[in-house]
Amino acid sequence: MVNKRRTPINPKLQAVSDYAYILIGSAIVAIAFNLFLLPNRIASGGVSGISTITYDLFGIEPAFVQWGFNIPLFILGILLLGGMKYGAKTLVGTIFLPYVVLLTRHLEPATSDPLLGALFGGIGVGLGLGIVFRANASTGGTDLAAQIIHKYTGLSLGACVFILDGLIVATSAVVFSIELALYALIALFVTGKTIDLVQMGVGYSKVAYIISNDQDAVRQTILTDLDRGVTKLSAYGGYTEEERPVLMCVVHQNEVNKLKQMVKAVDPKAFVVVTNATEVLGEGFKLQ
C-alpha cells in the first residue's frame, strides 16, 4: 500500500474553514427551528426549547430569549470553568444562531404536522450542530450549563444534559401537552442520531477477525490481492489452550464479500467474524 503524505493545512485556512462551518451550521439550526420546531410547539431541549415555551406563554421573540440565556451562560462558563475554554468560536455560534432565528422569523412553517415537524426539525438541528461540532465549537446554551453542573455536583456530563433537557421537555408537557412533549423526545432522538451521522459519516467500515489453520497464506492474499493491512493478534483456544493467532483486517463495506471469498479460497474451514467499525482513521480510510 502506498504511503501518501498530506500537505499540512494552513492554520489561517483552517480557521476560515472552522468559522464557515460555525456560520453554516448555526444557520441550518436556526432555519430548522423556525420552519419545523417553533410553529409546531416542539420544545426539544436546550435553550431553543426554553424559547419555544416562553414564546407561547409570553410572546417573547425566541431570539431574545436565546441571547438572554446563551450570553450569560457563556460568561459563567468562562468564570466558573476557567479561562477562555470555549473560545471565540463558541461565542460566534452563541451570538450568530439567535441572530439567524431573528432574521428568518417570518418564514412560512414547512408543516403543521407535529410528527413531521419533530422528524425534520430534529434532522435539521442535528445536521447544523454536527457541522458546528466539526469545527470544535458549540452554540453554547444548556451544554455550558451542563458543564457547570457537572463540575460542582460530580454528576456525569451525560446525566447533566439529560436532566436539563428532561426538565425542558417535562415543562413543555405542562405548558403544551403530553403529546407534544412526546414529539419533542422524538426530535431529541433524531437530533442525536443525525449528529452522529454528520460526525462519523455514512460509510461504515467493517472489521474482520479471521482464525485459520493456514494463516500465513490468508495474510499474504489479503496483503497482496486485497491491498489491505493485516494485524496478527495473540490468542489461545479456550478448549485446547493452544495458541491460535487471530488476523484482524479493516475493509470498506464493498470489500467485505471479496474478503470472504478470498479467505474461503485459501482455507474453506477458516472461521471469520465480520463486525461494524463506526469510524476508522488512518491510511486507506479517513485522514485527519
C-alpha atoms as a PDB file:
ATOM      1  CA  MET A   1       0.000   0.000   0.000  1.00  0.00           C
ATOM      2  CA  VAL A   2       1.413   3.377  -0.971  1.00  0.00           C
ATOM      3  CA  ASN A   3       2.122   5.704   1.919  1.00  0.00           C
ATOM      4  CA  LYS A   4       0.606   9.056   0.978  1.00  0.00           C
ATOM      5  CA  ARG A   5       1.720  12.154   2.834  1.00  0.00           C
ATOM      6  CA  ARG A   6      -0.665  15.062   3.073  1.00  0.00           C
ATOM      7  CA  THR A   7       0.405  18.669   2.968  1.00  0.00           C
ATOM      8  CA  PRO A   8      -0.265  20.262   6.369  1.00  0.00           C
ATOM      9  CA  ILE A   9      -3.303  22.537   6.374  1.00  0.00           C
ATOM     10  CA  ASN A  10      -2.506  26.233   6.598  1.00  0.00           C
ATOM     11  CA  PRO A  11      -3.649  27.442  10.066  1.00  0.00           C
ATOM     12  CA  LYS A  12      -5.303  30.510   8.554  1.00  0.00           C
ATOM     13  CA  LEU A  13      -7.241  28.407   6.045  1.00  0.00           C
ATOM     14  CA  GLN A  14      -8.218  26.031   8.847  1.00  0.00           C
ATOM     15  CA  ALA A  15      -9.534  28.959  10.900  1.00  0.00           C
ATOM     16  CA  VAL A  16     -11.554  30.261   7.941  1.00  0.00           C
ATOM     17  CA  SER A  17     -12.930  26.771   7.380  1.00  0.00           C
ATOM     18  CA  ASP A  18     -13.886  26.411  11.056  1.00  0.00           C
ATOM     19  CA  TYR A  19     -15.730  29.719  11.166  1.00  0.00           C
ATOM     20  CA  ALA A  20     -17.511  28.865   7.903  1.00  0.00           C
ATOM     21  CA  TYR A  21     -18.671  25.607   9.499  1.00  0.00           C
ATOM     22  CA  ILE A  22     -19.931  27.501  12.544  1.00  0.00           C
ATOM     23  CA  LEU A  23     -21.873  30.057  10.498  1.00  0.00           C
ATOM     24  CA  ILE A  24     -23.361  27.476   8.126  1.00  0.00           C
ATOM     25  CA  GLY A  25     -24.230  25.035  10.911  1.00  0.00           C
ATOM     26  CA  SER A  26     -25.778  27.731  13.114  1.00  0.00           C
ATOM     27  CA  ALA A  27     -27.860  28.984  10.184  1.00  0.00           C
ATOM     28  CA  ILE A  28     -29.167  25.467   9.488  1.00  0.00           C
ATOM     29  CA  VAL A  29     -30.163  25.036  13.156  1.00  0.00           C
ATOM     30  CA  ALA A  30     -31.939  28.406  13.195  1.00  0.00           C
ATOM     31  CA  ILE A  31     -33.865  27.765   9.980  1.00  0.00           C
ATOM     32  CA  ALA A  32     -34.906  24.275  11.112  1.00  0.00           C
ATOM     33  CA  PHE A  33     -36.109  25.826  14.376  1.00  0.00           C
ATOM     34  CA  ASN A  34     -38.307  28.378  12.572  1.00  0.00           C
ATOM     35  CA  LEU A  35     -39.580  26.012   9.883  1.00  0.00           C
ATOM     36  CA  PHE A  36     -40.354  22.942  11.974  1.00  0.00           C
ATOM     37  CA  LEU A  37     -39.976  23.196  15.745  1.00  0.00           C
ATOM     38  CA  LEU A  38     -41.348  26.583  16.803  1.00  0.00           C
ATOM     39  CA  PRO A  39     -44.563  26.552  14.702  1.00  0.00           C
ATOM     40  CA  ASN A  40     -45.411  23.070  15.978  1.00  0.00           C
ATOM     41  CA  ARG A  41     -44.551  23.969  19.603  1.00  0.00           C
ATOM     42  CA  ILE A  42     -41.900  21.263  19.894  1.00  0.00           C
ATOM     43  CA  ALA A  43     -39.554  22.129  22.765  1.00  0.00           C
ATOM     44  CA  SER A  44     -36.876  19.505  22.222  1.00  0.00           C
ATOM     45  CA  GLY A  45     -34.488  20.553  24.973  1.00  0.00           C
ATOM     46  CA  GLY A  46     -31.809  23.223  25.034  1.00  0.00           C
ATOM     47  CA  VAL A  47     -32.224  26.966  25.050  1.00  0.00           C
ATOM     48  CA  SER A  48     -34.242  26.715  21.831  1.00  0.00           C
ATOM     49  CA  GLY A  49     -36.748  24.587  23.750  1.00  0.00           C
ATOM     50  CA  ILE A  50     -36.955  27.208  26.500  1.00  0.00           C
ATOM     51  CA  SER A  51     -37.519  29.933  23.887  1.00  0.00           C
ATOM     52  CA  THR A  52     -40.327  27.881  22.337  1.00  0.00           C
ATOM     53  CA  ILE A  53     -42.096  27.686  25.696  1.00  0.00           C
ATOM     54  CA  THR A  54     -41.620  31.384  26.552  1.00  0.00           C
ATOM     55  CA  TYR A  55     -42.807  32.412  23.077  1.00  0.00           C
ATOM     56  CA  ASP A  56     -46.050  30.519  23.566  1.00  0.00           C
ATOM     57  CA  LEU A  57     -46.579  31.791  27.129  1.00  0.00           C
ATOM     58  CA  PHE A  58     -45.472  35.410  26.839  1.00  0.00           C
ATOM     59  CA  GLY A  59     -44.981  36.119  23.137  1.00  0.00           C
ATOM     60  CA  ILE A  60     -41.288  36.993  23.598  1.00  0.00           C
ATOM     61  CA  GLU A  61     -39.193  36.683  20.448  1.00  0.00           C
ATOM     62  CA  PRO A  62     -37.251  33.372  20.679  1.00  0.00           C
ATOM     63  CA  ALA A  63     -34.017  35.041  19.539  1.00  0.00           C
ATOM     64  CA  PHE A  64     -34.073  37.439  22.503  1.00  0.00           C
ATOM     65  CA  VAL A  65     -34.641  34.569  24.933  1.00  0.00           C
ATOM     66  CA  GLN A  66     -31.783  32.617  23.362  1.00  0.00           C
ATOM     67  CA  TRP A  67     -29.410  35.571  23.655  1.00  0.00           C
ATOM     68  CA  GLY A  68     -30.670  36.147  27.198  1.00  0.00           C
ATOM     69  CA  PHE A  69     -29.630  32.637  28.207  1.00  0.00           C
ATOM     70  CA  ASN A  70     -26.648  31.972  25.924  1.00  0.00           C
ATOM     71  CA  ILE A  71     -24.540  35.055  26.606  1.00  0.00           C
ATOM     72  CA  PRO A  72     -24.747  34.902  30.443  1.00  0.00           C
ATOM     73  CA  LEU A  73     -24.074  31.142  30.317  1.00  0.00           C
ATOM     74  CA  PHE A  74     -21.027  31.760  28.134  1.00  0.00           C
ATOM     75  CA  ILE A  75     -19.702  34.312  30.631  1.00  0.00           C
ATOM     76  CA  LEU A  76     -20.432  31.941  33.530  1.00  0.00           C
ATOM     77  CA  GLY A  77     -18.583  29.196  31.673  1.00  0.00           C
ATOM     78  CA  ILE A  78     -15.509  31.411  31.434  1.00  0.00           C
ATOM     79  CA  LEU A  79     -15.682  32.448  35.104  1.00  0.00           C
ATOM     80  CA  LEU A  80     -16.523  29.083  36.664  1.00  0.00           C
ATOM     81  CA  LEU A  81     -14.834  26.628  34.320  1.00  0.00           C
ATOM     82  CA  GLY A  82     -11.621  28.574  33.964  1.00  0.00           C
ATOM     83  CA  GLY A  83     -10.225  30.711  31.164  1.00  0.00           C
ATOM     84  CA  MET A  84     -11.495  31.001  27.616  1.00  0.00           C
ATOM     85  CA  LYS A  85     -12.164  27.290  27.454  1.00  0.00           C
ATOM     86  CA  TYR A  86     -14.884  27.668  24.864  1.00  0.00           C
ATOM     87  CA  GLY A  87     -13.103  30.412  22.917  1.00  0.00           C
ATOM     88  CA  ALA A  88     -14.144  32.796  20.214  1.00  0.00           C
ATOM     89  CA  LYS A  89     -15.619  30.075  18.006  1.00  0.00           C
ATOM     90  CA  THR A  90     -18.265  29.146  20.568  1.00  0.00           C
ATOM     91  CA  LEU A  91     -19.006  32.823  21.170  1.00  0.00           C
ATOM     92  CA  VAL A  92     -19.650  33.249  17.443  1.00  0.00           C
ATOM     93  CA  GLY A  93     -22.101  30.343  17.440  1.00  0.00           C
ATOM     94  CA  THR A  94     -23.750  31.627  20.622  1.00  0.00           C
ATOM     95  CA  ILE A  95     -24.460  35.032  19.063  1.00  0.00           C
ATOM     96  CA  PHE A  96     -24.990  34.108  15.406  1.00  0.00           C
ATOM     97  CA  LEU A  97     -27.580  31.349  15.841  1.00  0.00           C
ATOM     98  CA  PRO A  98     -30.198  33.577  17.564  1.00  0.00           C
ATOM     99  CA  TYR A  99     -29.432  36.294  15.010  1.00  0.00           C
ATOM    100  CA  VAL A 100     -30.444  33.962  12.163  1.00  0.00           C
ATOM    101  CA  VAL A 101     -33.514  32.925  14.182  1.00  0.00           C
ATOM    102  CA  LEU A 102     -34.465  36.613  14.291  1.00  0.00           C
ATOM    103  CA  LEU A 103     -33.761  37.140  10.573  1.00  0.00           C
ATOM    104  CA  THR A 104     -35.822  34.127   9.488  1.00  0.00           C
ATOM    105  CA  ARG A 105     -38.696  34.503  11.963  1.00  0.00           C
ATOM    106  CA  HIS A 106     -41.154  35.375   9.168  1.00  0.00           C
ATOM    107  CA  LEU A 107     -40.553  32.195   7.183  1.00  0.00           C
ATOM    108  CA  GLU A 108     -43.687  30.185   6.495  1.00  0.00           C
ATOM    109  CA  PRO A 109     -43.809  26.930   8.515  1.00  0.00           C
ATOM    110  CA  ALA A 110     -42.892  23.930   6.392  1.00  0.00           C
ATOM    111  CA  THR A 111     -45.554  21.741   8.002  1.00  0.00           C
ATOM    112  CA  SER A 112     -48.333  21.837  10.574  1.00  0.00           C
ATOM    113  CA  ASP A 113     -47.962  18.137  11.369  1.00  0.00           C
ATOM    114  CA  PRO A 114     -46.104  17.842  14.702  1.00  0.00           C
ATOM    115  CA  LEU A 115     -44.661  14.437  13.786  1.00  0.00           C
ATOM    116  CA  LEU A 116     -43.155  15.783  10.577  1.00  0.00           C
ATOM    117  CA  GLY A 117     -42.031  18.852  12.494  1.00  0.00           C
ATOM    118  CA  ALA A 118     -40.287  16.672  15.083  1.00  0.00           C
ATOM    119  CA  LEU A 119     -38.613  14.457  12.483  1.00  0.00           C
ATOM    120  CA  PHE A 120     -37.396  17.121  10.078  1.00  0.00           C
ATOM    121  CA  GLY A 121     -36.726  19.636  12.834  1.00  0.00           C
ATOM    122  CA  GLY A 122     -34.579  17.027  14.573  1.00  0.00           C
ATOM    123  CA  ILE A 123     -32.737  16.275  11.334  1.00  0.00           C
ATOM    124  CA  GLY A 124     -32.120  19.968  10.648  1.00  0.00           C
ATOM    125  CA  VAL A 125     -30.899  20.719  14.162  1.00  0.00           C
ATOM    126  CA  GLY A 126     -28.713  17.616  14.202  1.00  0.00           C
ATOM    127  CA  LEU A 127     -27.240  18.447  10.805  1.00  0.00           C
ATOM    128  CA  GLY A 128     -26.433  22.007  11.864  1.00  0.00           C
ATOM    129  CA  LEU A 129     -24.978  21.036  15.241  1.00  0.00           C
ATOM    130  CA  GLY A 130     -22.934  18.259  13.664  1.00  0.00           C
ATOM    131  CA  ILE A 131     -21.381  20.792  11.283  1.00  0.00           C
ATOM    132  CA  VAL A 132     -20.645  23.175  14.182  1.00  0.00           C
ATOM    133  CA  PHE A 133     -19.083  20.348  16.204  1.00  0.00           C
ATOM    134  CA  ARG A 134     -16.767  19.537  13.296  1.00  0.00           C
ATOM    135  CA  ALA A 135     -15.211  22.956  13.897  1.00  0.00           C
ATOM    136  CA  ASN A 136     -14.582  22.011  17.552  1.00  0.00           C
ATOM    137  CA  ALA A 137     -17.133  24.602  18.667  1.00  0.00           C
ATOM    138  CA  SER A 138     -20.659  24.695  20.045  1.00  0.00           C
ATOM    139  CA  THR A 139     -23.640  27.009  20.112  1.00  0.00           C
ATOM    140  CA  GLY A 140     -23.480  27.398  23.896  1.00  0.00           C
ATOM    141  CA  GLY A 141     -26.744  27.146  25.812  1.00  0.00           C
ATOM    142  CA  THR A 142     -27.516  24.225  28.080  1.00  0.00           C
ATOM    143  CA  ASP A 143     -24.284  22.476  27.046  1.00  0.00           C
ATOM    144  CA  LEU A 144     -22.417  25.076  29.119  1.00  0.00           C
ATOM    145  CA  ALA A 145     -24.939  24.795  31.948  1.00  0.00           C
ATOM    146  CA  ALA A 146     -24.403  21.024  31.966  1.00  0.00           C
ATOM    147  CA  GLN A 147     -20.626  21.540  32.195  1.00  0.00           C
ATOM    148  CA  ILE A 148     -21.076  23.826  35.208  1.00  0.00           C
ATOM    149  CA  ILE A 149     -23.442  21.405  36.978  1.00  0.00           C
ATOM    150  CA  HIS A 150     -21.057  18.549  36.205  1.00  0.00           C
ATOM    151  CA  LYS A 151     -18.150  20.391  37.812  1.00  0.00           C
ATOM    152  CA  TYR A 152     -19.943  21.302  41.038  1.00  0.00           C
ATOM    153  CA  THR A 153     -22.142  18.232  41.601  1.00  0.00           C
ATOM    154  CA  GLY A 154     -19.971  15.358  40.398  1.00  0.00           C
ATOM    155  CA  LEU A 155     -22.768  14.042  38.187  1.00  0.00           C
ATOM    156  CA  SER A 156     -21.672  12.707  34.825  1.00  0.00           C
ATOM    157  CA  LEU A 157     -21.880  15.146  31.928  1.00  0.00           C
ATOM    158  CA  GLY A 158     -24.371  12.905  30.137  1.00  0.00           C
ATOM    159  CA  ALA A 159     -26.601  12.850  33.215  1.00  0.00           C
ATOM    160  CA  CYS A 160     -26.476  16.652  33.477  1.00  0.00           C
ATOM    161  CA  VAL A 161     -27.505  17.085  29.837  1.00  0.00           C
ATOM    162  CA  PHE A 162     -30.272  14.505  30.303  1.00  0.00           C
ATOM    163  CA  ILE A 163     -31.597  16.276  33.417  1.00  0.00           C
ATOM    164  CA  LEU A 164     -31.653  19.711  31.771  1.00  0.00           C
ATOM    165  CA  ASP A 165     -33.273  18.507  28.558  1.00  0.00           C
ATOM    166  CA  GLY A 166     -35.663  16.353  30.584  1.00  0.00           C
ATOM    167  CA  LEU A 167     -36.787  19.347  32.630  1.00  0.00           C
ATOM    168  CA  ILE A 168     -37.421  21.356  29.461  1.00  0.00           C
ATOM    169  CA  VAL A 169     -39.406  18.542  27.845  1.00  0.00           C
ATOM    170  CA  ALA A 170     -41.353  17.988  31.100  1.00  0.00           C
ATOM    171  CA  THR A 171     -42.171  21.709  31.204  1.00  0.00           C
ATOM    172  CA  SER A 172     -43.441  21.507  27.622  1.00  0.00           C
ATOM    173  CA  ALA A 173     -45.754  18.674  28.705  1.00  0.00           C
ATOM    174  CA  VAL A 174     -47.308  21.014  31.281  1.00  0.00           C
ATOM    175  CA  VAL A 175     -47.415  24.112  29.065  1.00  0.00           C
ATOM    176  CA  PHE A 176     -48.422  22.413  25.804  1.00  0.00           C
ATOM    177  CA  SER A 177     -49.480  18.763  26.151  1.00  0.00           C
ATOM    178  CA  ILE A 178     -48.047  15.338  26.877  1.00  0.00           C
ATOM    179  CA  GLU A 179     -48.415  14.502  23.196  1.00  0.00           C
ATOM    180  CA  LEU A 180     -46.232  17.441  22.131  1.00  0.00           C
ATOM    181  CA  ALA A 181     -43.693  16.504  24.792  1.00  0.00           C
ATOM    182  CA  LEU A 182     -43.511  13.026  23.262  1.00  0.00           C
ATOM    183  CA  TYR A 183     -42.906  14.602  19.858  1.00  0.00           C
ATOM    184  CA  ALA A 184     -40.131  16.642  21.485  1.00  0.00           C
ATOM    185  CA  LEU A 185     -38.494  13.397  22.647  1.00  0.00           C
ATOM    186  CA  ILE A 186     -38.644  12.116  19.069  1.00  0.00           C
ATOM    187  CA  ALA A 187     -36.943  15.303  17.876  1.00  0.00           C
ATOM    188  CA  LEU A 188     -34.232  14.908  20.542  1.00  0.00           C
ATOM    189  CA  PHE A 189     -33.571  11.321  19.475  1.00  0.00           C
ATOM    190  CA  VAL A 190     -33.417  12.222  15.775  1.00  0.00           C
ATOM    191  CA  THR A 191     -31.097  15.151  16.541  1.00  0.00           C
ATOM    192  CA  GLY A 192     -28.649  12.870  18.374  1.00  0.00           C
ATOM    193  CA  LYS A 193     -28.625  10.302  15.577  1.00  0.00           C
ATOM    194  CA  THR A 194     -28.136  12.968  12.917  1.00  0.00           C
ATOM    195  CA  ILE A 195     -25.210  14.489  14.830  1.00  0.00           C
ATOM    196  CA  ASP A 196     -23.584  11.035  14.933  1.00  0.00           C
ATOM    197  CA  LEU A 197     -24.164  10.647  11.199  1.00  0.00           C
ATOM    198  CA  VAL A 198     -22.548  14.006  10.413  1.00  0.00           C
ATOM    199  CA  GLN A 199     -19.628  13.344  12.762  1.00  0.00           C
ATOM    200  CA  MET A 200     -18.873   9.796  11.632  1.00  0.00           C
ATOM    201  CA  GLY A 201     -20.321   9.661   8.114  1.00  0.00           C
ATOM    202  CA  VAL A 202     -22.473   7.064   6.409  1.00  0.00           C
ATOM    203  CA  GLY A 203     -19.673   4.873   5.073  1.00  0.00           C
ATOM    204  CA  TYR A 204     -19.392   2.294   7.812  1.00  0.00           C
ATOM    205  CA  SER A 205     -16.289   0.163   7.519  1.00  0.00           C
ATOM    206  CA  LYS A 206     -16.043  -3.442   8.645  1.00  0.00           C
ATOM    207  CA  VAL A 207     -13.609  -5.270  10.893  1.00  0.00           C
ATOM    208  CA  ALA A 208     -12.933  -8.920  10.047  1.00  0.00           C
ATOM    209  CA  TYR A 209     -11.434 -11.355  12.554  1.00  0.00           C
ATOM    210  CA  ILE A 210     -10.069 -14.477  10.878  1.00  0.00           C
ATOM    211  CA  ILE A 211      -8.924 -17.724  12.513  1.00  0.00           C
ATOM    212  CA  SER A 212      -7.285 -20.108  10.084  1.00  0.00           C
ATOM    213  CA  ASN A 213      -5.006 -23.096  10.098  1.00  0.00           C
ATOM    214  CA  ASP A 214      -3.288 -21.536   7.093  1.00  0.00           C
ATOM    215  CA  GLN A 215      -2.938 -18.038   8.440  1.00  0.00           C
ATOM    216  CA  ASP A 216       0.245 -17.154   6.548  1.00  0.00           C
ATOM    217  CA  ALA A 217      -1.410 -17.806   3.183  1.00  0.00           C
ATOM    218  CA  VAL A 218      -4.539 -15.898   4.260  1.00  0.00           C
ATOM    219  CA  ARG A 219      -2.440 -12.985   5.464  1.00  0.00           C
ATOM    220  CA  GLN A 220      -0.451 -12.894   2.236  1.00  0.00           C
ATOM    221  CA  THR A 221      -3.501 -12.910  -0.027  1.00  0.00           C
ATOM    222  CA  ILE A 222      -5.090 -10.050   1.920  1.00  0.00           C
ATOM    223  CA  LEU A 223      -1.905  -8.013   1.729  1.00  0.00           C
ATOM    224  CA  THR A 224      -1.279  -8.581  -1.968  1.00  0.00           C
ATOM    225  CA  ASP A 225      -4.663  -9.221  -3.600  1.00  0.00           C
ATOM    226  CA  LEU A 226      -6.901  -7.021  -1.451  1.00  0.00           C
ATOM    227  CA  ASP A 227      -4.185  -4.449  -0.700  1.00  0.00           C
ATOM    228  CA  ARG A 228      -5.271  -4.128   2.909  1.00  0.00           C
ATOM    229  CA  GLY A 229      -3.207  -4.234   6.074  1.00  0.00           C
ATOM    230  CA  VAL A 230      -3.456  -7.150   8.482  1.00  0.00           C
ATOM    231  CA  THR A 231      -2.758  -7.272  12.203  1.00  0.00           C
ATOM    232  CA  LYS A 232      -1.931 -10.541  13.934  1.00  0.00           C
ATOM    233  CA  LEU A 233      -3.456 -10.760  17.419  1.00  0.00           C
ATOM    234  CA  SER A 234      -2.197 -13.216  20.012  1.00  0.00           C
ATOM    235  CA  ALA A 235      -4.942 -15.613  21.118  1.00  0.00           C
ATOM    236  CA  TYR A 236      -5.398 -19.071  22.610  1.00  0.00           C
ATOM    237  CA  GLY A 237      -8.117 -21.645  22.077  1.00  0.00           C
ATOM    238  CA  GLY A 238     -10.479 -21.740  25.050  1.00  0.00           C
ATOM    239  CA  TYR A 239     -10.864 -25.513  24.844  1.00  0.00           C
ATOM    240  CA  THR A 240      -7.493 -26.692  23.539  1.00  0.00           C
ATOM    241  CA  GLU A 241      -5.484 -23.874  25.192  1.00  0.00           C
ATOM    242  CA  GLU A 242      -3.315 -23.966  22.100  1.00  0.00           C
ATOM    243  CA  GLU A 243      -2.025 -20.771  20.521  1.00  0.00           C
ATOM    244  CA  ARG A 244      -4.394 -19.646  17.753  1.00  0.00           C
ATOM    245  CA  PRO A 245      -3.425 -16.213  16.393  1.00  0.00           C
ATOM    246  CA  VAL A 246      -6.285 -14.111  15.029  1.00  0.00           C
ATOM    247  CA  LEU A 247      -5.882 -11.985  11.911  1.00  0.00           C
ATOM    248  CA  MET A 248      -7.639  -8.609  12.055  1.00  0.00           C
ATOM    249  CA  CYS A 249      -8.381  -6.680   8.884  1.00  0.00           C
ATOM    250  CA  VAL A 250     -10.368  -3.460   8.350  1.00  0.00           C
ATOM    251  CA  VAL A 251     -12.105  -3.071   4.979  1.00  0.00           C
ATOM    252  CA  HIS A 252     -14.735  -0.919   3.320  1.00  0.00           C
ATOM    253  CA  GLN A 253     -18.275  -2.263   3.029  1.00  0.00           C
ATOM    254  CA  ASN A 254     -17.887  -3.023  -0.671  1.00  0.00           C
ATOM    255  CA  GLU A 255     -14.792  -5.136   0.037  1.00  0.00           C
ATOM    256  CA  VAL A 256     -16.407  -7.497   2.562  1.00  0.00           C
ATOM    257  CA  ASN A 257     -17.658 -10.049   0.042  1.00  0.00           C
ATOM    258  CA  LYS A 258     -14.333 -10.094  -1.786  1.00  0.00           C
ATOM    259  CA  LEU A 259     -12.503 -10.646   1.507  1.00  0.00           C
ATOM    260  CA  LYS A 260     -14.742 -13.575   2.450  1.00  0.00           C
ATOM    261  CA  GLN A 261     -14.296 -15.194  -0.959  1.00  0.00           C
ATOM    262  CA  MET A 262     -10.524 -14.793  -0.821  1.00  0.00           C
ATOM    263  CA  VAL A 263     -10.314 -16.342   2.661  1.00  0.00           C
ATOM    264  CA  LYS A 264     -12.599 -19.198   1.632  1.00  0.00           C
ATOM    265  CA  ALA A 265     -10.487 -19.900  -1.436  1.00  0.00           C
ATOM    266  CA  VAL A 266      -7.353 -20.214   0.713  1.00  0.00           C
ATOM    267  CA  ASP A 267      -8.913 -22.012   3.680  1.00  0.00           C
ATOM    268  CA  PRO A 268     -12.542 -23.213   3.344  1.00  0.00           C
ATOM    269  CA  LYS A 269     -12.587 -24.090   7.058  1.00  0.00           C
ATOM    270  CA  ALA A 270     -11.452 -20.636   8.254  1.00  0.00           C
ATOM    271  CA  PHE A 271     -13.531 -19.032  10.994  1.00  0.00           C
ATOM    272  CA  VAL A 272     -14.466 -15.446  10.027  1.00  0.00           C
ATOM    273  CA  VAL A 273     -16.259 -12.833  12.132  1.00  0.00           C
ATOM    274  CA  VAL A 274     -17.255  -9.535  10.488  1.00  0.00           C
ATOM    275  CA  THR A 275     -18.476  -6.608  12.560  1.00  0.00           C
ATOM    276  CA  ASN A 276     -19.118  -2.875  12.126  1.00  0.00           C
ATOM    277  CA  ALA A 277     -16.429  -0.250  12.667  1.00  0.00           C
ATOM    278  CA  THR A 278     -18.211   3.045  13.255  1.00  0.00           C
ATOM    279  CA  GLU A 279     -15.233   5.221  12.385  1.00  0.00           C
ATOM    280  CA  VAL A 280     -11.793   4.383  11.035  1.00  0.00           C
ATOM    281  CA  LEU A 281      -8.978   6.927  10.914  1.00  0.00           C
ATOM    282  CA  GLY A 282      -5.727   6.227   9.147  1.00  0.00           C
ATOM    283  CA  GLU A 283      -4.135   5.323   5.847  1.00  0.00           C
ATOM    284  CA  GLY A 284      -6.600   3.949   3.325  1.00  0.00           C
ATOM    285  CA  PHE A 285      -9.590   5.353   5.239  1.00  0.00           C
ATOM    286  CA  LYS A 286     -10.408   8.767   6.669  1.00  0.00           C
ATOM    287  CA  LEU A 287      -7.426  11.014   7.335  1.00  0.00           C
ATOM    288  CA  GLN A 288      -7.497  13.879   9.809  1.00  0.00           C
END
